[in-house]
């Protein structure tokens, strides 16, 4: 009886599904390329400090001040960028994970959206021209489908 109980317990432990991890844009080692995501809400683009780092949903975030660190710690979901920090326009347009330029962003409806802006291709301009409300719906749908797939 004890052996059956032990085997049953061991089997149930080994069959627990692994938790899926969102594929954040952390090519630089940090979300938002190491820029302070809370600072964006004050219309500032500021690099974070290596001594002020928090982990949220598998990604590491840097902060430029103790106040921003504490704001994020208290309400990370408010400040974390949408779509794992990948380009919002690319997520809407093609459902692809595309890197970002940390200086190209938008705060809309209290959420942070980051965009690709290299070699004359500023996707924030495309986003604004094509209509963010329509694109957000498409990006949300695409993100739900691919957020766990490794890029």
N, C-alpha and C. Protein backbone atom coordinates (compact mmCIF):
# COMPACT_ATOMS: atom_id res chain seq x y z
N UNK A 1 0.83 -1.19 0.00
CA UNK A 1 0.00 0.00 0.00
C UNK A 1 0.87 1.26 0.00
N UNK A 2 1.92 1.27 0.87
CA UNK A 2 2.81 2.43 0.92
C UNK A 2 3.54 2.61 -0.40
N UNK A 3 3.98 1.49 -0.98
CA UNK A 3 4.70 1.54 -2.26
C UNK A 3 3.81 2.12 -3.34
N UNK A 4 2.56 1.73 -3.37
CA UNK A 4 1.62 2.23 -4.37
C UNK A 4 1.41 3.73 -4.20
N UNK A 5 1.32 4.18 -2.96
CA UNK A 5 1.14 5.60 -2.67
C UNK A 5 2.37 6.39 -3.11
N UNK A 6 3.55 5.88 -2.81
CA UNK A 6 4.80 6.55 -3.19
C UNK A 6 4.91 6.62 -4.71
N UNK A 7 4.62 5.51 -5.39
CA UNK A 7 4.69 5.50 -6.86
C UNK A 7 3.67 6.46 -7.46
N UNK A 8 2.49 6.50 -6.91
CA UNK A 8 1.45 7.40 -7.39
C UNK A 8 1.87 8.85 -7.24
N UNK A 9 2.45 9.18 -6.09
CA UNK A 9 2.92 10.53 -5.83
C UNK A 9 4.06 10.89 -6.77
N UNK A 10 5.00 10.00 -6.95
CA UNK A 10 6.14 10.25 -7.85
C UNK A 10 5.66 10.46 -9.27
N UNK A 11 4.71 9.68 -9.73
CA UNK A 11 4.18 9.81 -11.08
C UNK A 11 3.46 11.14 -11.25
N UNK A 12 2.70 11.55 -10.25
CA UNK A 12 1.97 12.81 -10.37
C UNK A 12 2.92 14.00 -10.39
N UNK A 13 4.04 13.90 -9.70
CA UNK A 13 5.02 14.99 -9.70
C UNK A 13 5.69 15.10 -11.06
N UNK A 14 6.01 13.98 -11.67
CA UNK A 14 6.70 14.01 -12.96
C UNK A 14 5.78 14.37 -14.12
N UNK A 15 4.47 14.31 -13.94
CA UNK A 15 3.55 14.63 -15.03
C UNK A 15 2.97 16.03 -14.92
N UNK A 16 3.43 16.84 -13.98
CA UNK A 16 2.97 18.22 -13.87
C UNK A 16 3.51 18.98 -15.09
N UNK A 17 2.65 19.65 -15.84
CA UNK A 17 3.12 20.34 -17.04
C UNK A 17 4.06 21.50 -16.68
N UNK A 18 5.06 21.69 -17.55
CA UNK A 18 5.99 22.79 -17.34
C UNK A 18 5.28 24.10 -17.67
N UNK A 19 5.57 25.13 -16.88
CA UNK A 19 4.97 26.43 -17.12
C UNK A 19 5.60 27.04 -18.37
N UNK A 20 4.76 27.57 -19.26
CA UNK A 20 5.25 28.21 -20.46
C UNK A 20 5.87 29.56 -20.10
N UNK A 21 6.93 29.92 -20.82
CA UNK A 21 7.62 31.18 -20.57
C UNK A 21 7.45 32.06 -21.80
N UNK A 22 6.99 33.27 -21.58
CA UNK A 22 6.82 34.24 -22.66
C UNK A 22 8.18 34.58 -23.24
N UNK A 23 8.25 34.69 -24.56
CA UNK A 23 9.48 35.06 -25.26
C UNK A 23 9.60 36.57 -25.33
N UNK A 24 10.23 37.15 -24.32
CA UNK A 24 10.46 38.59 -24.28
C UNK A 24 11.62 38.97 -25.19
N UNK A 25 11.61 40.20 -25.64
CA UNK A 25 12.72 40.75 -26.41
C UNK A 25 13.83 41.14 -25.44
N UNK A 26 14.73 40.22 -25.20
CA UNK A 26 15.85 40.48 -24.28
C UNK A 26 17.18 40.19 -24.96
N UNK A 27 17.28 40.53 -26.24
CA UNK A 27 18.51 40.28 -26.99
C UNK A 27 19.71 40.97 -26.35
N UNK A 28 19.48 42.10 -25.68
CA UNK A 28 20.56 42.82 -25.01
C UNK A 28 20.78 42.27 -23.60
N UNK A 29 19.98 41.30 -23.20
CA UNK A 29 20.05 40.75 -21.85
C UNK A 29 18.98 41.33 -20.93
N UNK A 30 18.35 42.41 -21.39
CA UNK A 30 17.33 43.09 -20.59
C UNK A 30 16.15 43.48 -21.47
N UNK A 31 14.98 43.56 -20.88
CA UNK A 31 13.81 44.07 -21.59
C UNK A 31 14.06 45.53 -21.96
N UNK A 32 13.46 45.97 -23.05
CA UNK A 32 13.58 47.35 -23.53
C UNK A 32 15.03 47.77 -23.69
N UNK A 33 15.88 46.81 -24.03
CA UNK A 33 17.31 47.04 -24.24
C UNK A 33 17.99 47.69 -23.04
N UNK A 34 17.44 47.48 -21.87
CA UNK A 34 18.03 48.01 -20.65
C UNK A 34 17.59 49.42 -20.30
N UNK A 35 16.61 49.93 -21.03
CA UNK A 35 16.09 51.27 -20.72
C UNK A 35 15.01 51.16 -19.65
N UNK A 36 14.85 52.20 -18.89
CA UNK A 36 13.91 52.26 -17.77
C UNK A 36 12.49 52.40 -18.31
N UNK A 37 11.69 51.34 -18.22
CA UNK A 37 10.34 51.36 -18.77
C UNK A 37 9.40 52.29 -18.01
N UNK A 38 9.69 52.56 -16.76
CA UNK A 38 8.85 53.48 -15.98
C UNK A 38 9.10 54.92 -16.45
N UNK A 39 10.32 55.24 -16.81
CA UNK A 39 10.67 56.60 -17.25
C UNK A 39 9.90 57.02 -18.49
N UNK A 40 9.54 56.06 -19.35
CA UNK A 40 8.77 56.40 -20.55
C UNK A 40 7.47 57.12 -20.19
N UNK A 41 6.89 56.79 -19.06
CA UNK A 41 5.63 57.39 -18.64
C UNK A 41 5.80 58.85 -18.22
N UNK A 42 7.04 59.28 -18.06
CA UNK A 42 7.35 60.69 -17.80
C UNK A 42 7.94 61.34 -19.05
N UNK A 43 7.76 60.67 -20.20
CA UNK A 43 8.27 61.13 -21.51
C UNK A 43 9.78 61.28 -21.51
N UNK A 44 10.45 60.33 -20.84
CA UNK A 44 11.91 60.30 -20.79
C UNK A 44 12.39 58.95 -21.27
N UNK A 45 13.47 58.96 -22.04
CA UNK A 45 14.12 57.73 -22.47
C UNK A 45 15.47 57.69 -21.76
N UNK A 46 15.56 56.81 -20.76
CA UNK A 46 16.72 56.78 -19.88
C UNK A 46 17.21 55.35 -19.71
N UNK A 47 18.51 55.18 -19.85
CA UNK A 47 19.09 53.85 -19.61
C UNK A 47 18.98 53.52 -18.13
N UNK A 48 18.72 52.26 -17.84
CA UNK A 48 18.66 51.80 -16.46
C UNK A 48 20.05 51.49 -15.93
N UNK A 49 20.14 51.38 -14.62
CA UNK A 49 21.40 51.06 -13.95
C UNK A 49 21.49 49.57 -13.65
N UNK A 50 22.69 49.05 -13.74
CA UNK A 50 22.90 47.62 -13.49
C UNK A 50 22.67 47.22 -12.04
N UNK A 51 22.68 48.19 -11.13
CA UNK A 51 22.47 47.86 -9.72
C UNK A 51 21.00 47.96 -9.31
N UNK A 52 20.13 48.29 -10.28
CA UNK A 52 18.68 48.34 -10.00
C UNK A 52 17.97 47.49 -11.05
N UNK A 53 17.88 46.20 -10.77
CA UNK A 53 17.32 45.23 -11.72
C UNK A 53 16.22 44.42 -11.04
N UNK A 54 15.13 44.25 -11.76
CA UNK A 54 14.04 43.39 -11.30
C UNK A 54 13.70 42.39 -12.40
N UNK A 55 13.25 41.23 -12.01
CA UNK A 55 12.80 40.21 -12.96
C UNK A 55 11.27 40.18 -12.90
N UNK A 56 10.67 40.14 -14.10
CA UNK A 56 9.22 40.07 -14.20
C UNK A 56 8.86 39.16 -15.37
N UNK A 57 8.10 38.12 -15.09
CA UNK A 57 7.66 37.15 -16.10
C UNK A 57 8.81 36.66 -16.98
N UNK A 58 9.94 36.41 -16.37
CA UNK A 58 11.07 35.83 -17.09
C UNK A 58 12.02 36.83 -17.73
N UNK A 59 11.71 38.11 -17.69
CA UNK A 59 12.58 39.12 -18.28
C UNK A 59 13.18 40.00 -17.18
N UNK A 60 14.39 40.47 -17.42
CA UNK A 60 15.04 41.37 -16.48
C UNK A 60 14.89 42.82 -16.96
N UNK A 61 14.58 43.70 -16.01
CA UNK A 61 14.37 45.12 -16.28
C UNK A 61 15.34 45.95 -15.46
N UNK A 62 15.88 47.01 -16.07
CA UNK A 62 16.76 47.95 -15.38
C UNK A 62 16.00 49.25 -15.13
N UNK A 63 16.42 49.95 -14.07
CA UNK A 63 15.77 51.21 -13.70
C UNK A 63 16.82 52.28 -13.42
N UNK A 64 16.43 53.52 -13.69
CA UNK A 64 17.36 54.64 -13.53
C UNK A 64 17.28 55.28 -12.15
N UNK A 65 16.25 54.93 -11.39
CA UNK A 65 16.11 55.51 -10.04
C UNK A 65 15.43 54.51 -9.12
N UNK A 66 15.63 54.70 -7.85
CA UNK A 66 14.99 53.84 -6.85
C UNK A 66 13.47 54.03 -6.90
N UNK A 67 13.02 55.25 -7.17
CA UNK A 67 11.57 55.51 -7.26
C UNK A 67 10.95 54.70 -8.41
N UNK A 68 11.60 54.68 -9.57
CA UNK A 68 11.08 53.91 -10.70
C UNK A 68 11.14 52.41 -10.42
N UNK A 69 12.19 51.97 -9.80
CA UNK A 69 12.34 50.57 -9.40
C UNK A 69 11.15 50.18 -8.52
N UNK A 70 10.84 51.03 -7.53
CA UNK A 70 9.74 50.73 -6.61
C UNK A 70 8.37 50.78 -7.29
N UNK A 71 8.18 51.72 -8.23
CA UNK A 71 6.92 51.79 -8.98
C UNK A 71 6.70 50.49 -9.77
N UNK A 72 7.75 50.03 -10.43
CA UNK A 72 7.64 48.81 -11.22
C UNK A 72 7.39 47.61 -10.30
N UNK A 73 8.12 47.57 -9.21
CA UNK A 73 7.97 46.45 -8.27
C UNK A 73 6.54 46.38 -7.74
N UNK A 74 5.93 47.51 -7.51
CA UNK A 74 4.57 47.58 -6.98
C UNK A 74 3.52 47.23 -8.03
N UNK A 75 3.77 47.58 -9.31
CA UNK A 75 2.75 47.37 -10.35
C UNK A 75 3.41 47.10 -11.70
N UNK A 76 4.12 46.02 -11.79
CA UNK A 76 4.89 45.69 -13.00
C UNK A 76 4.02 45.60 -14.25
N UNK A 77 2.83 45.05 -14.13
CA UNK A 77 1.98 44.88 -15.32
C UNK A 77 1.58 46.21 -15.94
N UNK A 78 1.58 47.27 -15.16
CA UNK A 78 1.27 48.60 -15.68
C UNK A 78 2.39 49.12 -16.57
N UNK A 79 3.63 48.83 -16.20
CA UNK A 79 4.78 49.43 -16.87
C UNK A 79 5.46 48.54 -17.91
N UNK A 80 5.29 47.26 -17.83
CA UNK A 80 5.96 46.35 -18.78
C UNK A 80 5.47 46.64 -20.20
N UNK A 81 6.37 46.65 -21.17
CA UNK A 81 5.95 46.94 -22.54
C UNK A 81 5.05 45.84 -23.10
N UNK A 82 4.19 46.25 -24.01
CA UNK A 82 3.28 45.32 -24.67
C UNK A 82 4.06 44.38 -25.59
N UNK A 83 3.52 43.22 -25.82
CA UNK A 83 4.06 42.23 -26.76
C UNK A 83 5.49 41.81 -26.42
N UNK A 84 5.76 41.71 -25.13
CA UNK A 84 7.06 41.24 -24.69
C UNK A 84 8.20 42.18 -25.05
N UNK A 85 7.87 43.42 -25.40
CA UNK A 85 8.89 44.39 -25.78
C UNK A 85 9.30 44.31 -27.24
N UNK A 86 8.59 43.52 -28.03
CA UNK A 86 8.85 43.45 -29.48
C UNK A 86 8.11 44.60 -30.15
N UNK A 87 8.47 44.90 -31.39
CA UNK A 87 7.85 46.00 -32.14
C UNK A 87 6.34 45.78 -32.27
N UNK A 88 5.59 46.77 -31.79
CA UNK A 88 4.13 46.67 -31.81
C UNK A 88 3.58 46.66 -33.24
N UNK A 89 4.18 47.45 -34.12
CA UNK A 89 3.68 47.50 -35.51
C UNK A 89 3.91 46.16 -36.22
N UNK A 90 5.09 45.60 -36.08
CA UNK A 90 5.38 44.30 -36.71
C UNK A 90 4.48 43.21 -36.15
N UNK A 91 4.17 43.30 -34.86
CA UNK A 91 3.27 42.31 -34.25
C UNK A 91 1.89 42.41 -34.90
N UNK A 92 1.41 43.63 -35.17
CA UNK A 92 0.11 43.81 -35.79
C UNK A 92 0.13 43.49 -37.27
N UNK A 93 1.14 43.97 -37.96
CA UNK A 93 1.19 43.86 -39.42
C UNK A 93 1.41 42.43 -39.90
N UNK A 94 2.38 41.74 -39.30
CA UNK A 94 2.74 40.41 -39.79
C UNK A 94 2.79 39.34 -38.71
N UNK A 95 2.52 39.71 -37.48
CA UNK A 95 2.59 38.74 -36.39
C UNK A 95 4.01 38.24 -36.19
N UNK A 96 4.97 39.16 -36.32
CA UNK A 96 6.38 38.80 -36.20
C UNK A 96 7.03 39.52 -35.02
N UNK A 97 8.05 38.86 -34.48
CA UNK A 97 8.84 39.45 -33.39
C UNK A 97 10.03 40.17 -34.01
N UNK A 98 9.95 41.50 -33.96
CA UNK A 98 10.97 42.35 -34.56
C UNK A 98 11.56 43.22 -33.46
N UNK A 99 12.88 43.40 -33.50
CA UNK A 99 13.59 44.20 -32.51
C UNK A 99 13.10 45.65 -32.52
N UNK A 100 13.49 46.41 -31.53
CA UNK A 100 13.00 47.78 -31.36
C UNK A 100 14.15 48.78 -31.24
N UNK A 101 13.80 50.02 -31.40
CA UNK A 101 14.68 51.14 -31.07
C UNK A 101 14.09 51.74 -29.79
N UNK A 102 14.81 51.74 -28.68
CA UNK A 102 14.21 52.20 -27.42
C UNK A 102 13.79 53.67 -27.43
N UNK A 103 14.24 54.44 -28.42
CA UNK A 103 13.84 55.84 -28.52
C UNK A 103 12.55 56.04 -29.31
N UNK A 104 12.00 54.96 -29.83
CA UNK A 104 10.78 55.05 -30.63
C UNK A 104 9.68 54.31 -29.89
N UNK A 105 8.78 55.07 -29.29
CA UNK A 105 7.76 54.47 -28.41
C UNK A 105 6.50 55.33 -28.40
N UNK A 106 5.47 54.76 -27.82
CA UNK A 106 4.23 55.48 -27.62
C UNK A 106 3.57 54.95 -26.35
N UNK A 107 3.01 55.85 -25.57
CA UNK A 107 2.15 55.47 -24.44
C UNK A 107 0.73 55.70 -24.93
N UNK A 108 -0.06 54.64 -24.96
CA UNK A 108 -1.45 54.75 -25.43
C UNK A 108 -2.33 53.98 -24.46
N UNK A 109 -3.36 54.65 -23.98
CA UNK A 109 -4.30 54.03 -23.03
C UNK A 109 -3.55 53.44 -21.84
N UNK A 110 -2.50 54.15 -21.39
CA UNK A 110 -1.75 53.72 -20.21
C UNK A 110 -0.80 52.56 -20.44
N UNK A 111 -0.54 52.20 -21.71
CA UNK A 111 0.34 51.07 -22.01
C UNK A 111 1.51 51.53 -22.87
N UNK A 112 2.65 50.88 -22.68
CA UNK A 112 3.87 51.20 -23.42
C UNK A 112 4.00 50.32 -24.65
N UNK A 113 4.14 50.95 -25.81
CA UNK A 113 4.36 50.27 -27.07
C UNK A 113 5.72 50.71 -27.61
N UNK A 114 6.54 49.75 -28.02
CA UNK A 114 7.87 50.02 -28.55
C UNK A 114 7.87 49.69 -30.05
N UNK A 115 8.78 50.36 -30.81
CA UNK A 115 8.77 50.23 -32.26
C UNK A 115 10.17 50.11 -32.84
N UNK A 116 10.22 49.52 -34.02
CA UNK A 116 11.43 49.41 -34.83
C UNK A 116 11.64 50.76 -35.52
N UNK A 117 12.89 51.23 -35.56
CA UNK A 117 13.19 52.48 -36.25
C UNK A 117 14.66 52.46 -36.67
N UNK A 118 14.93 51.84 -37.79
CA UNK A 118 16.29 51.76 -38.32
C UNK A 118 16.25 51.93 -39.83
N UNK A 119 17.32 52.44 -40.38
CA UNK A 119 17.49 52.55 -41.83
C UNK A 119 16.29 53.21 -42.50
N UNK A 120 15.79 54.27 -41.91
CA UNK A 120 14.69 55.03 -42.51
C UNK A 120 13.32 54.37 -42.42
N UNK A 121 13.21 53.32 -41.66
CA UNK A 121 11.93 52.62 -41.49
C UNK A 121 11.44 52.81 -40.06
N UNK A 122 10.68 53.88 -39.85
CA UNK A 122 10.13 54.20 -38.53
C UNK A 122 8.71 53.64 -38.45
N UNK A 123 8.57 52.50 -37.80
CA UNK A 123 7.26 51.85 -37.76
C UNK A 123 6.25 52.57 -36.86
N UNK A 124 6.72 53.46 -35.98
CA UNK A 124 5.79 54.26 -35.19
C UNK A 124 4.97 55.16 -36.12
N UNK A 125 5.59 55.71 -37.16
CA UNK A 125 4.86 56.54 -38.12
C UNK A 125 3.81 55.72 -38.86
N UNK A 126 4.17 54.49 -39.24
CA UNK A 126 3.21 53.60 -39.90
C UNK A 126 2.05 53.28 -38.96
N UNK A 127 2.38 53.00 -37.71
CA UNK A 127 1.39 52.69 -36.67
C UNK A 127 0.38 53.82 -36.54
N UNK A 128 0.87 55.05 -36.46
CA UNK A 128 0.00 56.20 -36.30
C UNK A 128 -0.82 56.48 -37.56
N UNK A 129 -0.21 56.27 -38.72
CA UNK A 129 -0.89 56.51 -40.00
C UNK A 129 -2.01 55.50 -40.24
N UNK A 130 -1.76 54.23 -39.91
CA UNK A 130 -2.74 53.17 -40.19
C UNK A 130 -3.82 53.04 -39.13
N UNK A 131 -3.61 53.64 -37.98
CA UNK A 131 -4.64 53.62 -36.94
C UNK A 131 -4.33 52.65 -35.81
N UNK A 132 -3.80 53.18 -34.70
CA UNK A 132 -3.40 52.33 -33.57
C UNK A 132 -4.51 51.45 -33.01
N UNK A 133 -5.73 51.95 -32.93
CA UNK A 133 -6.79 51.14 -32.31
C UNK A 133 -7.04 49.86 -33.10
N UNK A 134 -7.06 49.96 -34.42
CA UNK A 134 -7.23 48.79 -35.28
C UNK A 134 -6.02 47.86 -35.15
N UNK A 135 -4.82 48.46 -35.15
CA UNK A 135 -3.59 47.66 -35.10
C UNK A 135 -3.42 46.97 -33.75
N UNK A 136 -3.84 47.60 -32.69
CA UNK A 136 -3.73 46.98 -31.35
C UNK A 136 -4.54 45.69 -31.31
N UNK A 137 -5.72 45.71 -31.88
CA UNK A 137 -6.55 44.49 -31.91
C UNK A 137 -5.84 43.37 -32.66
N UNK A 138 -5.24 43.70 -33.81
CA UNK A 138 -4.51 42.70 -34.59
C UNK A 138 -3.28 42.21 -33.83
N UNK A 139 -2.56 43.15 -33.22
CA UNK A 139 -1.34 42.78 -32.48
C UNK A 139 -1.68 41.90 -31.28
N UNK A 140 -2.75 42.25 -30.57
CA UNK A 140 -3.18 41.43 -29.42
C UNK A 140 -3.47 39.99 -29.86
N UNK A 141 -4.15 39.84 -30.97
CA UNK A 141 -4.50 38.52 -31.49
C UNK A 141 -3.24 37.75 -31.90
N UNK A 142 -2.36 38.41 -32.62
CA UNK A 142 -1.11 37.76 -33.05
C UNK A 142 -0.23 37.40 -31.85
N UNK A 143 -0.15 38.28 -30.87
CA UNK A 143 0.68 38.03 -29.69
C UNK A 143 0.17 36.83 -28.92
N UNK A 144 -1.13 36.70 -28.79
CA UNK A 144 -1.71 35.55 -28.07
C UNK A 144 -1.30 34.25 -28.75
N UNK A 145 -1.14 34.28 -30.07
CA UNK A 145 -0.79 33.08 -30.83
C UNK A 145 0.70 32.75 -30.77
N UNK A 146 1.58 33.75 -30.67
CA UNK A 146 3.02 33.47 -30.79
C UNK A 146 3.87 33.80 -29.57
N UNK A 147 3.28 34.29 -28.49
CA UNK A 147 4.10 34.78 -27.39
C UNK A 147 4.99 33.74 -26.73
N UNK A 148 4.68 32.47 -26.87
CA UNK A 148 5.52 31.44 -26.26
C UNK A 148 6.53 30.84 -27.23
N UNK A 149 6.44 31.18 -28.51
CA UNK A 149 7.37 30.65 -29.51
C UNK A 149 8.67 31.44 -29.45
N UNK A 150 9.77 30.72 -29.40
CA UNK A 150 11.08 31.37 -29.37
C UNK A 150 11.38 32.00 -30.71
N UNK A 151 11.91 33.21 -30.65
CA UNK A 151 12.25 33.91 -31.91
C UNK A 151 13.60 33.45 -32.42
